[in-house]
Amino acid sequence: MEPGKLIAKKITELINQDHLRAHVLYSFGIPFYDYPTQTLEQACREKGLAVEPVARGLESPHENFQQADLPLLSYPIDLIIEYLKHAHYLFIKHKLPYIGMLVQNFKADHPAYDAIEKDLKILFPLFVEDFIHHIYEEEDTLFKYIKSLERAAQGLYHPSRLYQSMEKYSLQECALEHEAHDDEMAGIRKITKDYFLTPDAPLHVKVIYTELIQFEKNLQIHARIENEILFPKAMMLESQVKNSFFEKAKWN
């Protein structure tokens, strides 16, 4: 659809056509639920925004949500870690605050979703708190340990510190524990009955469920990168460093 044709359409109509457009509007400072009757042109005028850039963003909202299709299997470990840390940043600074805003302003006004509204408003902040704690813990322990192994492989290490690290951590145990905790959104799926929508579901519900589904897909991709690429590479590195370390220790 051409930008000119979007301008005269109501905000609610635009979001009904593609729920991801709600995030585009949010990025311009236009929460869709605050403009139930206004057109895009009217909403932009109220916000003092030029309507053309907003309309162009609404044309292809999916471009903002696709993960980079990178050949990560061929990347060195340090670049894989940087990629994962960047994904962490996007989750914490962009995606979760947006979904949190949708949940906080959720007014179901529908008997099928009143209980879901209440439950999500309690559970989602707890999920975010736990998720952020997990992310920071992973960066401060797992990623830090793997980087120390990389330095050790280059001969840059303090023998006693390296020995203590290798005694303290086991990447095999970390990998098994990581796989056991991959399904972080099980509670949210249970509340939303696997994101089930009734035929008359309110628009706000459709937008929240779309974002939750999208976020869960991103988490699944993220977990696969860690489980299938990062951990195997890191465990090979750990084995090499241990063999080299103990071989040298025998001759000292």
Protein backbone atom coordinates (compact mmCIF):
# COMPACT_ATOMS: atom_id res chain seq x y z
CA MET A 1 0.00 0.00 0.00
CA GLU A 2 1.34 3.43 -0.95
CA PRO A 3 2.09 5.88 1.90
CA GLY A 4 -0.52 8.30 0.59
CA LYS A 5 -3.26 5.70 1.00
CA LEU A 6 -2.32 5.08 4.64
CA ILE A 7 -2.61 8.69 5.73
CA ALA A 8 -6.41 8.85 5.64
CA LYS A 9 -6.95 5.49 7.33
CA LYS A 10 -7.83 5.18 11.01
CA ILE A 11 -5.08 4.03 13.36
CA THR A 12 -7.20 1.04 14.48
CA GLU A 13 -7.75 -0.03 10.87
CA LEU A 14 -4.02 0.13 10.15
CA ILE A 15 -3.21 -2.00 13.21
CA ASN A 16 -5.95 -4.50 12.40
CA GLN A 17 -4.35 -5.03 8.98
CA ASP A 18 -0.93 -5.76 10.54
CA HIS A 19 -0.42 -5.93 14.30
CA LEU A 20 3.33 -5.24 14.02
CA ARG A 21 2.48 -1.72 12.87
CA ALA A 22 1.70 -0.91 16.51
CA HIS A 23 5.43 -1.06 17.30
CA VAL A 24 6.25 1.27 14.40
CA LEU A 25 3.74 3.81 15.73
CA TYR A 26 5.13 3.36 19.26
CA SER A 27 8.63 4.17 17.99
CA PHE A 28 7.23 7.50 16.73
CA GLY A 29 5.54 8.18 20.08
CA ILE A 30 2.03 7.18 19.00
CA PRO A 31 0.50 4.50 21.28
CA PHE A 32 -2.24 3.04 19.07
CA TYR A 33 -4.73 2.60 21.95
CA ASP A 34 -4.72 6.36 22.63
CA TYR A 35 -6.10 7.06 19.14
CA PRO A 36 -9.24 4.88 18.80
CA THR A 37 -11.00 7.13 16.27
CA GLN A 38 -8.25 9.26 14.70
CA THR A 39 -6.70 8.78 11.29
CA LEU A 40 -2.95 8.53 10.86
CA GLU A 41 -2.88 12.10 9.61
CA GLN A 42 -4.79 13.37 12.65
CA ALA A 43 -2.58 11.46 15.10
CA CYS A 44 0.59 12.80 13.47
CA ARG A 45 -0.78 16.33 13.56
CA GLU A 46 -1.55 15.98 17.29
CA LYS A 47 2.02 14.77 17.90
CA GLY A 48 3.58 17.41 15.65
CA LEU A 49 5.02 14.74 13.35
CA ALA A 50 5.53 14.76 9.59
CA VAL A 51 3.15 12.06 8.38
CA GLU A 52 5.23 10.78 5.43
CA PRO A 53 8.06 9.11 7.44
CA VAL A 54 5.50 7.43 9.72
CA ALA A 55 3.53 6.16 6.72
CA ARG A 56 6.70 4.79 5.11
CA GLY A 57 7.53 2.92 8.32
CA LEU A 58 4.04 1.41 8.38
CA GLU A 59 4.44 0.14 4.82
CA SER A 60 6.97 -2.54 5.78
CA PRO A 61 6.90 -3.09 9.57
CA HIS A 62 8.34 -6.61 9.31
CA GLU A 63 11.73 -5.22 8.26
CA ASN A 64 12.22 -3.96 11.81
CA PHE A 65 11.80 -7.40 13.38
CA GLN A 66 13.83 -9.83 11.25
CA GLN A 67 16.95 -11.23 12.82
CA ALA A 68 20.10 -11.03 10.76
CA ASP A 69 20.68 -14.18 8.72
CA LEU A 70 24.36 -14.58 9.53
CA PRO A 71 26.61 -17.62 8.99
CA LEU A 72 27.33 -17.79 12.72
CA LEU A 73 28.65 -21.36 12.54
CA SER A 74 31.72 -20.05 10.71
CA TYR A 75 32.25 -17.12 13.11
CA PRO A 76 34.92 -17.12 15.84
CA ILE A 77 33.64 -17.36 19.40
CA ASP A 78 34.26 -13.71 20.26
CA LEU A 79 31.99 -12.53 17.41
CA ILE A 80 29.27 -15.02 18.37
CA ILE A 81 29.35 -13.67 21.93
CA GLU A 82 29.14 -10.09 20.66
CA TYR A 83 26.16 -11.06 18.48
CA LEU A 84 24.41 -12.64 21.49
CA LYS A 85 25.18 -9.62 23.69
CA HIS A 86 23.70 -7.32 21.05
CA ALA A 87 20.56 -9.48 21.02
CA HIS A 88 20.43 -9.17 24.83
CA TYR A 89 20.61 -5.39 24.47
CA LEU A 90 17.72 -5.35 21.97
CA PHE A 91 15.62 -7.58 24.22
CA ILE A 92 16.22 -5.51 27.35
CA LYS A 93 16.23 -1.98 25.94
CA HIS A 94 13.68 -2.23 23.13
CA LYS A 95 11.43 -5.27 22.90
CA LEU A 96 10.63 -5.92 26.59
CA PRO A 97 9.89 -2.26 27.46
CA TYR A 98 7.48 -2.11 24.51
CA ILE A 99 5.64 -5.30 25.49
CA GLY A 100 5.64 -4.11 29.10
CA MET A 101 3.96 -0.89 28.01
CA LEU A 102 1.31 -2.88 26.10
CA VAL A 103 0.62 -5.04 29.17
CA GLN A 104 0.57 -2.09 31.56
CA ASN A 105 -2.03 -0.28 29.41
CA PHE A 106 -4.04 -3.43 28.71
CA LYS A 107 -7.78 -2.87 29.29
CA ALA A 108 -9.51 -6.02 28.09
CA ASP A 109 -13.17 -4.99 28.58
CA HIS A 110 -14.03 -8.50 27.41
CA PRO A 111 -15.14 -11.43 29.61
CA ALA A 112 -12.80 -13.89 27.84
CA TYR A 113 -9.75 -11.73 28.57
CA ASP A 114 -10.45 -9.96 31.89
CA ALA A 115 -8.65 -12.67 33.91
CA ILE A 116 -5.82 -12.81 31.36
CA GLU A 117 -5.35 -9.05 31.73
CA LYS A 118 -5.01 -9.35 35.52
CA ASP A 119 -2.68 -12.35 35.33
CA LEU A 120 -0.42 -10.81 32.68
CA LYS A 121 -0.09 -7.60 34.68
CA ILE A 122 1.23 -9.68 37.59
CA LEU A 123 3.28 -12.28 35.73
CA PHE A 124 4.91 -10.28 32.93
CA PRO A 125 6.89 -7.88 35.21
CA LEU A 126 8.12 -10.93 37.17
CA PHE A 127 9.11 -12.63 33.92
CA VAL A 128 11.03 -9.52 32.83
CA GLU A 129 12.84 -9.27 36.17
CA ASP A 130 13.84 -12.95 36.05
CA PHE A 131 14.82 -12.74 32.38
CA ILE A 132 17.06 -9.69 32.88
CA HIS A 133 18.71 -11.35 35.90
CA HIS A 134 19.41 -14.45 33.77
CA ILE A 135 20.86 -12.35 30.94
CA TYR A 136 23.24 -10.40 33.17
CA GLU A 137 24.28 -13.55 35.03
CA GLU A 138 25.05 -15.24 31.71
CA GLU A 139 27.19 -12.32 30.54
CA ASP A 140 29.01 -12.00 33.88
CA THR A 141 29.78 -15.72 34.26
CA LEU A 142 29.46 -17.84 31.11
CA PHE A 143 30.58 -15.27 28.54
CA LYS A 144 33.36 -14.05 30.84
CA TYR A 145 34.65 -17.61 31.34
CA ILE A 146 34.62 -18.36 27.60
CA LYS A 147 36.56 -15.16 26.90
CA SER A 148 39.13 -16.16 29.51
CA LEU A 149 39.54 -19.48 27.68
CA GLU A 150 40.12 -17.58 24.45
CA ARG A 151 42.87 -15.53 26.07
CA ALA A 152 44.39 -18.69 27.55
CA ALA A 153 44.46 -20.32 24.11
CA GLN A 154 46.61 -17.37 23.00
CA GLY A 155 48.95 -17.86 25.97
CA LEU A 156 47.54 -14.86 27.85
CA TYR A 157 46.69 -16.20 31.29
CA HIS A 158 47.68 -16.33 34.93
CA PRO A 159 48.17 -20.06 35.74
CA SER A 160 46.51 -20.09 39.18
CA ARG A 161 43.53 -17.98 38.05
CA LEU A 162 43.00 -20.13 34.98
CA TYR A 163 43.16 -23.31 37.09
CA GLN A 164 40.62 -21.89 39.56
CA SER A 165 38.26 -20.93 36.71
CA MET A 166 38.46 -24.37 35.12
CA GLU A 167 37.81 -25.99 38.50
CA LYS A 168 34.84 -23.71 39.15
CA TYR A 169 33.11 -23.95 35.76
CA SER A 170 32.12 -26.84 33.53
CA LEU A 171 30.74 -25.88 30.13
CA GLN A 172 29.12 -29.30 29.77
CA GLU A 173 27.15 -28.73 32.98
CA CYS A 174 26.30 -25.16 31.88
CA ALA A 175 25.02 -26.47 28.54
CA LEU A 176 22.80 -29.10 30.19
CA GLU A 177 21.42 -26.55 32.66
CA HIS A 178 20.86 -24.05 29.84
CA GLU A 179 18.80 -26.51 27.80
CA ALA A 180 16.72 -27.37 30.88
CA HIS A 181 15.74 -23.69 31.32
CA ASP A 182 15.14 -22.80 27.66
CA ASP A 183 11.32 -22.66 27.89
CA GLU A 184 11.15 -19.36 29.75
CA MET A 185 7.71 -18.37 28.46
CA ALA A 186 5.82 -21.50 29.52
CA GLY A 187 3.93 -19.54 32.20
CA ILE A 188 2.82 -16.87 29.76
CA ARG A 189 1.67 -19.49 27.24
CA LYS A 190 -0.36 -21.13 29.99
CA ILE A 191 -2.07 -17.85 30.95
CA THR A 192 -2.89 -17.02 27.32
CA LYS A 193 -3.92 -20.62 26.45
CA ASP A 194 -1.12 -20.76 23.86
CA TYR A 195 -2.07 -17.30 22.58
CA PHE A 196 -5.57 -18.45 21.65
CA LEU A 197 -7.73 -15.68 20.16
CA THR A 198 -11.52 -15.70 20.05
CA PRO A 199 -13.15 -14.36 16.85
CA ASP A 200 -14.13 -11.17 18.69
CA ALA A 201 -10.79 -10.61 20.47
CA PRO A 202 -10.07 -6.91 21.14
CA LEU A 203 -7.36 -5.28 19.05
CA HIS A 204 -5.15 -4.71 22.10
CA VAL A 205 -5.16 -8.47 22.81
CA LYS A 206 -4.20 -9.24 19.21
CA VAL A 207 -1.26 -6.81 19.38
CA ILE A 208 0.01 -8.19 22.72
CA TYR A 209 -0.24 -11.81 21.54
CA THR A 210 1.51 -10.98 18.26
CA GLU A 211 4.41 -9.38 20.16
CA LEU A 212 4.64 -12.23 22.67
CA ILE A 213 4.71 -14.81 19.85
CA GLN A 214 7.36 -12.81 18.01
CA PHE A 215 9.46 -12.47 21.18
CA GLU A 216 9.20 -16.21 21.90
CA LYS A 217 10.38 -17.00 18.36
CA ASN A 218 13.36 -14.69 18.87
CA LEU A 219 14.18 -16.44 22.16
CA GLN A 220 14.03 -19.83 20.45
CA ILE A 221 16.46 -18.67 17.76
CA HIS A 222 18.69 -17.20 20.46
CA ALA A 223 18.67 -20.46 22.44
CA ARG A 224 19.52 -22.50 19.33
CA ILE A 225 22.51 -20.27 18.61
CA GLU A 226 23.77 -20.82 22.16
CA ASN A 227 23.03 -24.56 22.31
CA GLU A 228 24.05 -25.55 18.78
CA ILE A 229 26.87 -23.10 18.02
CA LEU A 230 28.29 -21.34 21.09
CA PHE A 231 28.45 -24.29 23.51
CA PRO A 232 29.98 -26.83 21.09
CA LYS A 233 32.67 -24.33 20.02
CA ALA A 234 33.32 -23.30 23.63
CA MET A 235 33.58 -26.91 24.87
CA MET A 236 36.14 -27.70 22.16
CA LEU A 237 38.11 -24.63 23.22
CA GLU A 238 37.86 -25.60 26.90
CA SER A 239 39.17 -29.10 26.12
CA GLN A 240 42.11 -27.69 24.15
CA VAL A 241 43.02 -25.23 26.90
CA LYS A 242 42.79 -27.90 29.62
CA ASN A 243 44.97 -30.33 27.66
CA SER A 244 47.56 -27.63 26.96
CA PHE A 245 47.50 -26.36 30.56
CA PHE A 246 48.00 -29.75 32.19
CA GLU A 247 50.60 -30.77 29.62
CA LYS A 248 52.64 -27.68 30.50
CA ALA A 249 52.09 -28.28 34.23
CA LYS A 250 53.69 -31.72 33.95
CA TRP A 251 56.96 -30.18 32.80
CA ASN A 252 57.10 -27.44 35.43
